[in-house]
Amino acid sequence: MDVFRHPIKHLAMVPIIVDYSLSVIWSLFFWLSMIAFVDVQVLCLVQGDWSRLITNFCFAAIFISIEIVVGLIQLIMASYFNDRGRSLKYIAFAPWYILIYWMVNTFTVAVEIGPTIIQILKGEDAGVWKSPKRSVEVVVKSKEEGNQDD
């Protein structure tokens, strides 16, 4: 909230917040669009509008293909610059990873944005991970195991 109250003072955080906000909006738009697409497809099935059903699937396939091609280009460039292409042996799994990761990531954002906003409005630390309390037994066992390895 300090960034919203004093954006000039926290200028370095403004691009991060803008980027995150656009990602959240995109995630919500993605799932709303997905729900609308499924609704339209079910309506086409019920009405027997096969040409519209097939056309919608073709357009979806075009967009998914573009997504896969862009993702593969990103993977190839990242692999080339990171390790001179050694990680390209995993390229066969890349399209599935891209599709599944994006769907899981956007779903997680869409589901958790409401509770996070509520926590922020209550003044609680939203999105901050806190280490769980360790019991004395766990600490003692880990020290004993460390001594046995010596």
Protein backbone atom coordinates (compact mmCIF):
# COMPACT_ATOMS: atom_id res chain seq x y z
CA MET A 1 0.00 0.00 0.00
CA ASP A 2 3.01 2.30 0.52
CA VAL A 3 3.64 2.22 -3.23
CA PHE A 4 0.10 3.48 -3.96
CA ARG A 5 0.38 6.22 -1.34
CA HIS A 6 3.88 7.38 -2.41
CA PRO A 7 4.58 6.13 -5.96
CA ILE A 8 7.50 8.51 -6.52
CA LYS A 9 9.20 7.38 -3.32
CA HIS A 10 8.84 3.72 -4.40
CA LEU A 11 9.37 4.28 -8.12
CA ALA A 12 11.35 1.06 -8.58
CA MET A 13 8.33 -1.00 -7.48
CA VAL A 14 5.84 0.65 -9.87
CA PRO A 15 6.84 -1.39 -12.98
CA ILE A 16 6.67 -4.60 -10.96
CA ILE A 17 3.17 -3.77 -9.72
CA VAL A 18 2.05 -2.79 -13.23
CA ASP A 19 3.43 -6.05 -14.64
CA TYR A 20 1.79 -8.11 -11.90
CA SER A 21 -1.51 -6.27 -12.32
CA LEU A 22 -1.54 -6.92 -16.08
CA SER A 23 -0.76 -10.60 -15.42
CA VAL A 24 -3.68 -10.86 -13.01
CA ILE A 25 -6.03 -9.14 -15.47
CA TRP A 26 -4.82 -11.45 -18.25
CA SER A 27 -5.37 -14.51 -16.04
CA LEU A 28 -8.91 -13.47 -15.19
CA PHE A 29 -9.65 -12.65 -18.84
CA PHE A 30 -8.24 -16.04 -19.90
CA TRP A 31 -10.58 -17.98 -17.61
CA LEU A 32 -13.61 -15.83 -18.36
CA SER A 33 -12.92 -16.35 -22.07
CA MET A 34 -12.48 -20.08 -21.51
CA ILE A 35 -15.82 -20.30 -19.70
CA ALA A 36 -17.52 -18.29 -22.47
CA PHE A 37 -15.92 -20.53 -25.13
CA VAL A 38 -17.14 -23.71 -23.42
CA ASP A 39 -20.63 -22.20 -23.01
CA VAL A 40 -20.78 -21.30 -26.71
CA GLN A 41 -19.56 -24.77 -27.70
CA VAL A 42 -22.17 -26.48 -25.51
CA LEU A 43 -24.85 -24.21 -26.99
CA CYS A 44 -23.70 -25.15 -30.51
CA LEU A 45 -23.88 -28.85 -29.57
CA VAL A 46 -27.37 -28.49 -28.13
CA GLN A 47 -28.60 -26.55 -31.17
CA GLY A 48 -26.81 -28.83 -33.62
CA ASP A 49 -24.89 -25.93 -35.19
CA TRP A 50 -22.00 -28.09 -36.43
CA SER A 51 -20.43 -25.53 -38.75
CA ARG A 52 -20.12 -22.95 -35.97
CA LEU A 53 -18.81 -25.64 -33.58
CA ILE A 54 -16.08 -26.69 -36.03
CA THR A 55 -15.22 -23.07 -36.88
CA ASN A 56 -14.80 -22.24 -33.19
CA PHE A 57 -12.54 -25.26 -32.70
CA CYS A 58 -10.47 -24.24 -35.74
CA PHE A 59 -9.98 -20.72 -34.40
CA ALA A 60 -9.04 -22.13 -30.99
CA ALA A 61 -6.55 -24.48 -32.66
CA ILE A 62 -4.99 -21.55 -34.53
CA PHE A 63 -4.53 -19.56 -31.32
CA ILE A 64 -3.12 -22.57 -29.46
CA SER A 65 -0.73 -23.25 -32.35
CA ILE A 66 0.51 -19.66 -32.25
CA GLU A 67 1.00 -20.00 -28.49
CA ILE A 68 3.02 -23.18 -28.97
CA VAL A 69 5.18 -21.67 -31.72
CA VAL A 70 5.93 -18.58 -29.63
CA GLY A 71 6.70 -20.77 -26.62
CA LEU A 72 9.03 -22.95 -28.69
CA ILE A 73 10.84 -19.87 -30.01
CA GLN A 74 11.27 -18.64 -26.44
CA LEU A 75 12.54 -22.06 -25.34
CA ILE A 76 15.03 -22.32 -28.21
CA MET A 77 16.37 -18.82 -27.59
CA ALA A 78 16.60 -19.37 -23.82
CA SER A 79 18.32 -22.72 -24.30
CA TYR A 80 20.79 -21.23 -26.75
CA PHE A 81 21.68 -18.31 -24.48
CA ASN A 82 21.69 -20.30 -21.21
CA ASP A 83 23.56 -23.49 -22.08
CA ARG A 84 24.33 -23.35 -25.80
CA GLY A 85 21.37 -25.61 -26.64
CA ARG A 86 22.11 -28.58 -24.35
CA SER A 87 18.63 -28.39 -22.79
CA LEU A 88 16.93 -28.74 -26.18
CA LYS A 89 16.72 -32.49 -25.61
CA TYR A 90 13.50 -31.73 -23.69
CA ILE A 91 11.89 -29.86 -26.59
CA ALA A 92 9.31 -32.61 -27.20
CA PHE A 93 7.75 -31.87 -23.80
CA ALA A 94 7.82 -28.09 -24.22
CA PRO A 95 4.39 -27.59 -25.87
CA TRP A 96 2.63 -29.59 -23.15
CA TYR A 97 4.57 -27.83 -20.44
CA ILE A 98 3.71 -24.42 -21.88
CA LEU A 99 -0.01 -25.19 -22.18
CA ILE A 100 -0.36 -26.90 -18.81
CA TYR A 101 1.83 -24.40 -16.95
CA TRP A 102 -0.10 -21.45 -18.34
CA MET A 103 -3.43 -23.03 -17.48
CA VAL A 104 -2.41 -23.99 -13.94
CA ASN A 105 -0.72 -20.65 -13.34
CA THR A 106 -3.67 -18.60 -14.57
CA PHE A 107 -6.12 -20.79 -12.64
CA THR A 108 -4.13 -20.33 -9.43
CA VAL A 109 -4.06 -16.56 -9.90
CA ALA A 110 -7.79 -16.42 -10.71
CA VAL A 111 -8.71 -18.49 -7.65
CA GLU A 112 -6.43 -16.71 -5.18
CA ILE A 113 -6.91 -13.09 -6.24
CA GLY A 114 -10.10 -12.66 -4.19
CA PRO A 115 -8.72 -13.97 -0.86
CA THR A 116 -5.49 -12.02 -1.43
CA ILE A 117 -7.33 -8.74 -1.97
CA ILE A 118 -9.37 -9.38 1.17
CA GLN A 119 -6.18 -9.99 3.18
CA ILE A 120 -4.59 -6.81 1.82
CA LEU A 121 -7.68 -4.75 2.68
CA LYS A 122 -7.63 -6.19 6.20
CA GLY A 123 -3.99 -5.11 6.52
CA GLU A 124 -2.62 -8.63 6.75
CA ASP A 125 0.54 -9.80 4.99
CA ALA A 126 -0.85 -11.34 1.82
CA GLY A 127 1.43 -13.49 -0.27
CA VAL A 128 4.20 -13.60 2.33
CA TRP A 129 5.56 -17.04 3.09
CA LYS A 130 6.42 -17.73 6.70
CA SER A 131 8.61 -20.62 7.74
CA PRO A 132 6.74 -23.20 9.81
CA LYS A 133 7.71 -23.68 13.44
CA ARG A 134 10.20 -26.51 13.87
CA SER A 135 9.79 -28.83 16.79
CA VAL A 136 12.79 -29.63 18.97
CA GLU A 137 12.60 -33.30 17.89
CA VAL A 138 13.09 -32.46 14.23
CA VAL A 139 16.07 -30.20 14.96
CA VAL A 140 17.70 -32.83 17.21
CA LYS A 141 17.13 -35.64 14.66
CA SER A 142 18.60 -33.58 11.83
CA LYS A 143 21.68 -32.78 13.94
CA GLU A 144 22.07 -36.47 14.87
CA GLU A 145 21.81 -37.52 11.22
CA GLY A 146 24.40 -34.89 10.33
CA ASN A 147 26.80 -36.29 12.95
CA GLN A 148 26.32 -39.87 11.69
CA ASP A 149 27.34 -38.83 8.17
CA ASP A 150 30.74 -37.57 9.45
